[in-house]
C-alpha cells in the first residue's frame, strides 16, 4: 500500500495494522474516526515504528497507546 498519500483510507489502514500488531484488547482506543487527517504524519511515524519491531514490552505498548491517544480529536 502506498502510504505517502495522505488519505483517510491510508490512515484507517495504518491504525488497523497498529491494532493488529499490538493485539489491542480495547480497540476503541484507536478508533479511526477519532483522528483527523492533519495527524496523518504522526500516525505514519508510529505505524513505521510499530511495524519495524518484532515485539513490545508492556511499557512500550502503553507508551504507543498513550501517544495515539494524544493525537485523537
PDB file of N, CA and C in Angstrom:
ATOM      1  N   UNK A   1       0.842  -1.174   0.000  1.00  0.00           N
ATOM      2  CA  UNK A   1       0.000   0.000   0.000  1.00  0.00           C
ATOM      3  C   UNK A   1       0.889   1.239   0.000  1.00  0.00           C
ATOM      4  N   UNK A   2       0.534   2.211  -0.792  1.00  0.00           N
ATOM      5  CA  UNK A   2       1.278   3.466  -0.906  1.00  0.00           C
ATOM      6  C   UNK A   2       0.801   4.423   0.182  1.00  0.00           C
ATOM      7  N   UNK A   3       1.634   4.651   1.181  1.00  0.00           N
ATOM      8  CA  UNK A   3       1.228   5.462   2.326  1.00  0.00           C
ATOM      9  C   UNK A   3       1.735   6.898   2.269  1.00  0.00           C
ATOM     10  N   UNK A   4       2.408   7.263   1.184  1.00  0.00           N
ATOM     11  CA  UNK A   4       2.887   8.639   1.052  1.00  0.00           C
ATOM     12  C   UNK A   4       1.738   9.614   0.846  1.00  0.00           C
ATOM     13  N   UNK A   5       0.666   9.138   0.257  1.00  0.00           N
ATOM     14  CA  UNK A   5      -0.504   9.974   0.001  1.00  0.00           C
ATOM     15  C   UNK A   5      -1.356  10.052   1.258  1.00  0.00           C
ATOM     16  N   UNK A   6      -1.598  11.271   1.709  1.00  0.00           N
ATOM     17  CA  UNK A   6      -2.439  11.461   2.898  1.00  0.00           C
ATOM     18  C   UNK A   6      -3.893  11.240   2.513  1.00  0.00           C
ATOM     19  N   UNK A   7      -4.464  10.193   3.067  1.00  0.00           N
ATOM     20  CA  UNK A   7      -5.875   9.918   2.816  1.00  0.00           C
ATOM     21  C   UNK A   7      -6.468   9.230   4.032  1.00  0.00           C
ATOM     22  N   UNK A   8      -7.761   9.346   4.172  1.00  0.00           N
ATOM     23  CA  UNK A   8      -8.450   8.684   5.275  1.00  0.00           C
ATOM     24  C   UNK A   8      -8.290   7.176   5.159  1.00  0.00           C
ATOM     25  N   UNK A   9      -8.350   6.662   3.951  1.00  0.00           N
ATOM     26  CA  UNK A   9      -8.198   5.220   3.729  1.00  0.00           C
ATOM     27  C   UNK A   9      -6.838   4.726   4.224  1.00  0.00           C
ATOM     28  N   UNK A  10      -5.787   5.460   3.910  1.00  0.00           N
ATOM     29  CA  UNK A  10      -4.447   5.082   4.363  1.00  0.00           C
ATOM     30  C   UNK A  10      -4.327   5.176   5.880  1.00  0.00           C
ATOM     31  N   UNK A  11      -4.934   6.201   6.459  1.00  0.00           N
ATOM     32  CA  UNK A  11      -4.883   6.361   7.904  1.00  0.00           C
ATOM     33  C   UNK A  11      -5.604   5.207   8.601  1.00  0.00           C
ATOM     34  N   UNK A  12      -6.766   4.823   8.088  1.00  0.00           N
ATOM     35  CA  UNK A  12      -7.514   3.693   8.645  1.00  0.00           C
ATOM     36  C   UNK A  12      -6.686   2.415   8.542  1.00  0.00           C
ATOM     37  N   UNK A  13      -6.053   2.207   7.397  1.00  0.00           N
ATOM     38  CA  UNK A  13      -5.201   1.036   7.200  1.00  0.00           C
ATOM     39  C   UNK A  13      -4.089   0.986   8.247  1.00  0.00           C
ATOM     40  N   UNK A  14      -3.385   2.109   8.431  1.00  0.00           N
ATOM     41  CA  UNK A  14      -2.273   2.131   9.384  1.00  0.00           C
ATOM     42  C   UNK A  14      -2.764   1.862  10.807  1.00  0.00           C
ATOM     43  N   UNK A  15      -3.873   2.472  11.198  1.00  0.00           N
ATOM     44  CA  UNK A  15      -4.408   2.252  12.537  1.00  0.00           C
ATOM     45  C   UNK A  15      -4.833   0.801  12.736  1.00  0.00           C
ATOM     46  N   UNK A  16      -5.441   0.212  11.723  1.00  0.00           N
ATOM     47  CA  UNK A  16      -5.832  -1.199  11.809  1.00  0.00           C
ATOM     48  C   UNK A  16      -4.603  -2.099  11.954  1.00  0.00           C
ATOM     49  N   UNK A  17      -3.552  -1.793  11.231  1.00  0.00           N
ATOM     50  CA  UNK A  17      -2.325  -2.583  11.317  1.00  0.00           C
ATOM     51  C   UNK A  17      -1.661  -2.427  12.686  1.00  0.00           C
ATOM     52  N   UNK A  18      -1.685  -1.215  13.228  1.00  0.00           N
ATOM     53  CA  UNK A  18      -1.131  -0.989  14.564  1.00  0.00           C
ATOM     54  C   UNK A  18      -1.910  -1.812  15.584  1.00  0.00           C
ATOM     55  N   UNK A  19      -3.240  -1.763  15.506  1.00  0.00           N
ATOM     56  CA  UNK A  19      -4.084  -2.530  16.433  1.00  0.00           C
ATOM     57  C   UNK A  19      -3.775  -4.020  16.334  1.00  0.00           C
ATOM     58  N   UNK A  20      -3.638  -4.523  15.119  1.00  0.00           N
ATOM     59  CA  UNK A  20      -3.366  -5.952  14.925  1.00  0.00           C
ATOM     60  C   UNK A  20      -1.989  -6.328  15.478  1.00  0.00           C
ATOM     61  N   UNK A  21      -0.996  -5.520  15.199  1.00  0.00           N
ATOM     62  CA  UNK A  21       0.371  -5.822  15.637  1.00  0.00           C
ATOM     63  C   UNK A  21       0.477  -5.789  17.157  1.00  0.00           C
ATOM     64  N   UNK A  22      -0.212  -4.847  17.784  1.00  0.00           N
ATOM     65  CA  UNK A  22      -0.149  -4.736  19.241  1.00  0.00           C
ATOM     66  C   UNK A  22      -1.143  -5.659  19.932  1.00  0.00           C
ATOM     67  N   UNK A  23      -1.993  -6.308  19.141  1.00  0.00           N
ATOM     68  CA  UNK A  23      -3.027  -7.209  19.682  1.00  0.00           C
ATOM     69  C   UNK A  23      -3.830  -6.487  20.766  1.00  0.00           C
ATOM     70  N   UNK A  24      -4.311  -5.330  20.394  1.00  0.00           N
ATOM     71  CA  UNK A  24      -5.020  -4.487  21.348  1.00  0.00           C
ATOM     72  C   UNK A  24      -6.365  -5.083  21.733  1.00  0.00           C
ATOM     73  N   UNK A  25      -6.633  -5.100  23.024  1.00  0.00           N
ATOM     74  CA  UNK A  25      -7.910  -5.593  23.537  1.00  0.00           C
ATOM     75  C   UNK A  25      -8.962  -4.503  23.401  1.00  0.00           C
ATOM     76  N   UNK A  26      -8.609  -3.288  23.781  1.00  0.00           N
ATOM     77  CA  UNK A  26      -9.536  -2.163  23.713  1.00  0.00           C
ATOM     78  C   UNK A  26      -9.306  -1.400  22.412  1.00  0.00           C
ATOM     79  N   UNK A  27      -9.822  -1.933  21.328  1.00  0.00           N
ATOM     80  CA  UNK A  27      -9.604  -1.335  20.016  1.00  0.00           C
ATOM     81  C   UNK A  27     -10.291   0.010  19.864  1.00  0.00           C
ATOM     82  N   UNK A  28     -11.283   0.292  20.686  1.00  0.00           N
ATOM     83  CA  UNK A  28     -11.976   1.569  20.583  1.00  0.00           C
ATOM     84  C   UNK A  28     -11.041   2.728  20.926  1.00  0.00           C
ATOM     85  N   UNK A  29      -9.960   2.457  21.643  1.00  0.00           N
ATOM     86  CA  UNK A  29      -8.985   3.499  21.964  1.00  0.00           C
ATOM     87  C   UNK A  29      -8.289   4.016  20.710  1.00  0.00           C
ATOM     88  N   UNK A  30      -8.306   3.219  19.666  1.00  0.00           N
ATOM     89  CA  UNK A  30      -7.657   3.599  18.407  1.00  0.00           C
ATOM     90  C   UNK A  30      -8.670   3.545  17.273  1.00  0.00           C
ATOM     91  N   UNK A  31      -9.858   4.000  17.524  1.00  0.00           N
ATOM     92  CA  UNK A  31     -10.898   4.045  16.514  1.00  0.00           C
ATOM     93  C   UNK A  31     -10.534   5.103  15.473  1.00  0.00           C
ATOM     94  N   UNK A  32     -10.470   4.735  14.235  1.00  0.00           N
ATOM     95  CA  UNK A  32     -10.009   5.641  13.180  1.00  0.00           C
ATOM     96  C   UNK A  32     -10.861   6.901  13.055  1.00  0.00           C
ATOM     97  N   UNK A  33     -12.126   6.836  13.426  1.00  0.00           N
ATOM     98  CA  UNK A  33     -12.980   8.023  13.320  1.00  0.00           C
ATOM     99  C   UNK A  33     -12.607   9.084  14.358  1.00  0.00           C
ATOM    100  N   UNK A  34     -11.757   8.742  15.313  1.00  0.00           N
ATOM    101  CA  UNK A  34     -11.353   9.680  16.357  1.00  0.00           C
ATOM    102  C   UNK A  34     -10.122  10.503  15.971  1.00  0.00           C
ATOM    103  N   UNK A  35      -9.626  10.324  14.749  1.00  0.00           N
ATOM    104  CA  UNK A  35      -8.412  11.014  14.316  1.00  0.00           C
ATOM    105  C   UNK A  35      -8.690  11.910  13.119  1.00  0.00           C
ATOM    106  N   UNK A  36      -8.063  13.080  13.121  1.00  0.00           N
ATOM    107  CA  UNK A  36      -8.135  13.985  11.980  1.00  0.00           C
ATOM    108  C   UNK A  36      -7.004  13.675  11.013  1.00  0.00           C
ATOM    109  N   UNK A  37      -7.258  13.944   9.756  1.00  0.00           N
ATOM    110  CA  UNK A  37      -6.260  13.699   8.716  1.00  0.00           C
ATOM    111  C   UNK A  37      -5.008  14.569   8.930  1.00  0.00           C
ATOM    112  N   UNK A  38      -5.126  15.671   9.654  1.00  0.00           N
ATOM    113  CA  UNK A  38      -3.953  16.514   9.900  1.00  0.00           C
ATOM    114  C   UNK A  38      -2.931  15.842  10.818  1.00  0.00           C
ATOM    115  N   UNK A  39      -3.301  14.738  11.442  1.00  0.00           N
ATOM    116  CA  UNK A  39      -2.374  13.962  12.275  1.00  0.00           C
ATOM    117  C   UNK A  39      -1.767  12.792  11.501  1.00  0.00           C
ATOM    118  N   UNK A  40      -1.965  12.781  10.204  1.00  0.00           N
ATOM    119  CA  UNK A  40      -1.528  11.675   9.341  1.00  0.00           C
ATOM    120  C   UNK A  40      -0.036  11.369   9.508  1.00  0.00           C
ATOM    121  N   UNK A  41       0.803  12.405   9.446  1.00  0.00           N
ATOM    122  CA  UNK A  41       2.253  12.181   9.513  1.00  0.00           C
ATOM    123  C   UNK A  41       2.669  11.583  10.856  1.00  0.00           C
ATOM    124  N   UNK A  42       2.029  12.030  11.938  1.00  0.00           N
ATOM    125  CA  UNK A  42       2.338  11.475  13.258  1.00  0.00           C
ATOM    126  C   UNK A  42       1.917  10.004  13.337  1.00  0.00           C
ATOM    127  N   UNK A  43       0.756   9.699  12.807  1.00  0.00           N
ATOM    128  CA  UNK A  43       0.276   8.312  12.802  1.00  0.00           C
ATOM    129  C   UNK A  43       1.195   7.447  11.941  1.00  0.00           C
ATOM    130  N   UNK A  44       1.645   7.997  10.831  1.00  0.00           N
ATOM    131  CA  UNK A  44       2.547   7.253   9.947  1.00  0.00           C
ATOM    132  C   UNK A  44       3.869   6.955  10.658  1.00  0.00           C
ATOM    133  N   UNK A  45       4.375   7.905  11.422  1.00  0.00           N
ATOM    134  CA  UNK A  45       5.612   7.672  12.183  1.00  0.00           C
ATOM    135  C   UNK A  45       5.429   6.542  13.184  1.00  0.00           C
ATOM    136  N   UNK A  46       4.303   6.549  13.891  1.00  0.00           N
ATOM    137  CA  UNK A  46       4.018   5.488  14.861  1.00  0.00           C
ATOM    138  C   UNK A  46       3.871   4.153  14.136  1.00  0.00           C
ATOM    139  N   UNK A  47       3.160   4.160  13.019  1.00  0.00           N
ATOM    140  CA  UNK A  47       2.968   2.939  12.214  1.00  0.00           C
ATOM    141  C   UNK A  47       4.323   2.352  11.811  1.00  0.00           C
ATOM    142  N   UNK A  48       5.206   3.193  11.295  1.00  0.00           N
ATOM    143  CA  UNK A  48       6.517   2.705  10.841  1.00  0.00           C
ATOM    144  C   UNK A  48       7.325   2.146  12.005  1.00  0.00           C
ATOM    145  N   UNK A  49       7.256   2.790  13.160  1.00  0.00           N
ATOM    146  CA  UNK A  49       7.949   2.295  14.350  1.00  0.00           C
ATOM    147  C   UNK A  49       7.403   0.935  14.761  1.00  0.00           C
ATOM    148  N   UNK A  50       6.083   0.821  14.826  1.00  0.00           N
ATOM    149  CA  UNK A  50       5.445  -0.426  15.256  1.00  0.00           C
ATOM    150  C   UNK A  50       5.762  -1.561  14.288  1.00  0.00           C
ATOM    151  N   UNK A  51       5.738  -1.296  13.012  1.00  0.00           N
ATOM    152  CA  UNK A  51       5.960  -2.349  12.024  1.00  0.00           C
ATOM    153  C   UNK A  51       7.413  -2.836  12.016  1.00  0.00           C
ATOM    154  N   UNK A  52       8.350  -2.025  12.455  1.00  0.00           N
ATOM    155  CA  UNK A  52       9.768  -2.414  12.460  1.00  0.00           C
ATOM    156  C   UNK A  52      10.115  -3.372  13.600  1.00  0.00           C
ATOM    157  N   UNK A  53       9.407  -3.247  14.721  1.00  0.00           N
ATOM    158  CA  UNK A  53       9.757  -4.045  15.907  1.00  0.00           C
ATOM    159  C   UNK A  53       9.009  -5.369  15.921  1.00  0.00           C
ATOM    160  N   UNK A  54       9.708  -6.439  16.256  1.00  0.00           N
ATOM    161  CA  UNK A  54       9.032  -7.745  16.306  1.00  0.00           C
ATOM    162  C   UNK A  54       8.172  -7.937  17.560  1.00  0.00           C
ATOM    163  N   UNK A  55       8.599  -7.358  18.674  1.00  0.00           N
ATOM    164  CA  UNK A  55       7.852  -7.496  19.934  1.00  0.00           C
ATOM    165  C   UNK A  55       7.915  -6.191  20.710  1.00  0.00           C
ATOM    166  N   UNK A  56       7.017  -6.095  21.689  1.00  0.00           N
ATOM    167  CA  UNK A  56       6.938  -4.888  22.510  1.00  0.00           C
ATOM    168  C   UNK A  56       6.810  -5.265  23.973  1.00  0.00           C
ATOM    169  N   UNK A  57       7.466  -4.492  24.813  1.00  0.00           N
ATOM    170  CA  UNK A  57       7.287  -4.672  26.251  1.00  0.00           C
ATOM    171  C   UNK A  57       5.948  -4.025  26.628  1.00  0.00           C
ATOM    172  N   UNK A  58       5.404  -4.380  27.774  1.00  0.00           N
ATOM    173  CA  UNK A  58       4.161  -3.730  28.215  1.00  0.00           C
ATOM    174  C   UNK A  58       4.302  -2.206  28.304  1.00  0.00           C
ATOM    175  N   UNK A  59       5.458  -1.735  28.741  1.00  0.00           N
ATOM    176  CA  UNK A  59       5.677  -0.287  28.830  1.00  0.00           C
ATOM    177  C   UNK A  59       5.688   0.370  27.460  1.00  0.00           C
ATOM    178  N   UNK A  60       6.287  -0.294  26.475  1.00  0.00           N
ATOM    179  CA  UNK A  60       6.294   0.242  25.116  1.00  0.00           C
ATOM    180  C   UNK A  60       4.883   0.294  24.552  1.00  0.00           C
ATOM    181  N   UNK A  61       4.125  -0.758  24.789  1.00  0.00           N
ATOM    182  CA  UNK A  61       2.749  -0.792  24.290  1.00  0.00           C
ATOM    183  C   UNK A  61       1.931   0.334  24.917  1.00  0.00           C
ATOM    184  N   UNK A  62       2.103   0.535  26.205  1.00  0.00           N
ATOM    185  CA  UNK A  62       1.373   1.602  26.884  1.00  0.00           C
ATOM    186  C   UNK A  62       1.764   2.966  26.321  1.00  0.00           C
ATOM    187  N   UNK A  63       3.049   3.174  26.079  1.00  0.00           N
ATOM    188  CA  UNK A  63       3.525   4.444  25.542  1.00  0.00           C
ATOM    189  C   UNK A  63       2.961   4.697  24.144  1.00  0.00           C
ATOM    190  N   UNK A  64       2.889   3.659  23.321  1.00  0.00           N
ATOM    191  CA  UNK A  64       2.341   3.799  21.965  1.00  0.00           C
ATOM    192  C   UNK A  64       0.871   4.168  22.036  1.00  0.00           C
ATOM    193  N   UNK A  65       0.118   3.479  22.871  1.00  0.00           N
ATOM    194  CA  UNK A  65      -1.310   3.757  23.001  1.00  0.00           C
ATOM    195  C   UNK A  65      -1.525   5.167  23.547  1.00  0.00           C
ATOM    196  N   UNK A  66      -0.709   5.582  24.509  1.00  0.00           N
ATOM    197  CA  UNK A  66      -0.828   6.934  25.045  1.00  0.00           C
ATOM    198  C   UNK A  66      -0.525   7.975  23.978  1.00  0.00           C
ATOM    199  N   UNK A  67       0.480   7.716  23.162  1.00  0.00           N
ATOM    200  CA  UNK A  67       0.825   8.643  22.085  1.00  0.00           C
ATOM    201  C   UNK A  67      -0.326   8.744  21.085  1.00  0.00           C
ATOM    202  N   UNK A  68      -0.890   7.608  20.720  1.00  0.00           N
ATOM    203  CA  UNK A  68      -2.045   7.638  19.823  1.00  0.00           C
ATOM    204  C   UNK A  68      -3.211   8.400  20.467  1.00  0.00           C
ATOM    205  N   UNK A  69      -3.388   8.196  21.754  1.00  0.00           N
ATOM    206  CA  UNK A  69      -4.453   8.899  22.467  1.00  0.00           C
ATOM    207  C   UNK A  69      -4.271  10.398  22.431  1.00  0.00           C
ATOM    208  N   UNK A  70      -3.034  10.854  22.469  1.00  0.00           N
ATOM    209  CA  UNK A  70      -2.771  12.284  22.432  1.00  0.00           C
ATOM    210  C   UNK A  70      -3.052  12.884  21.051  1.00  0.00           C
ATOM    211  N   UNK A  71      -3.129  12.042  20.039  1.00  0.00           N
ATOM    212  CA  UNK A  71      -3.387  12.515  18.665  1.00  0.00           C
ATOM    213  C   UNK A  71      -4.880  12.541  18.322  1.00  0.00           C
ATOM    214  N   UNK A  72      -5.691  12.010  19.200  1.00  0.00           N
ATOM    215  CA  UNK A  72      -7.136  11.957  18.928  1.00  0.00           C
ATOM    216  C   UNK A  72      -7.736  13.348  18.907  1.00  0.00           C
ATOM    217  N   UNK A  73      -8.898  13.463  18.263  1.00  0.00           N
ATOM    218  CA  UNK A  73      -9.616  14.746  18.174  1.00  0.00           C
ATOM    219  C   UNK A  73      -9.916  15.280  19.544  1.00  0.00           C
TER     220      UNK A  73
END
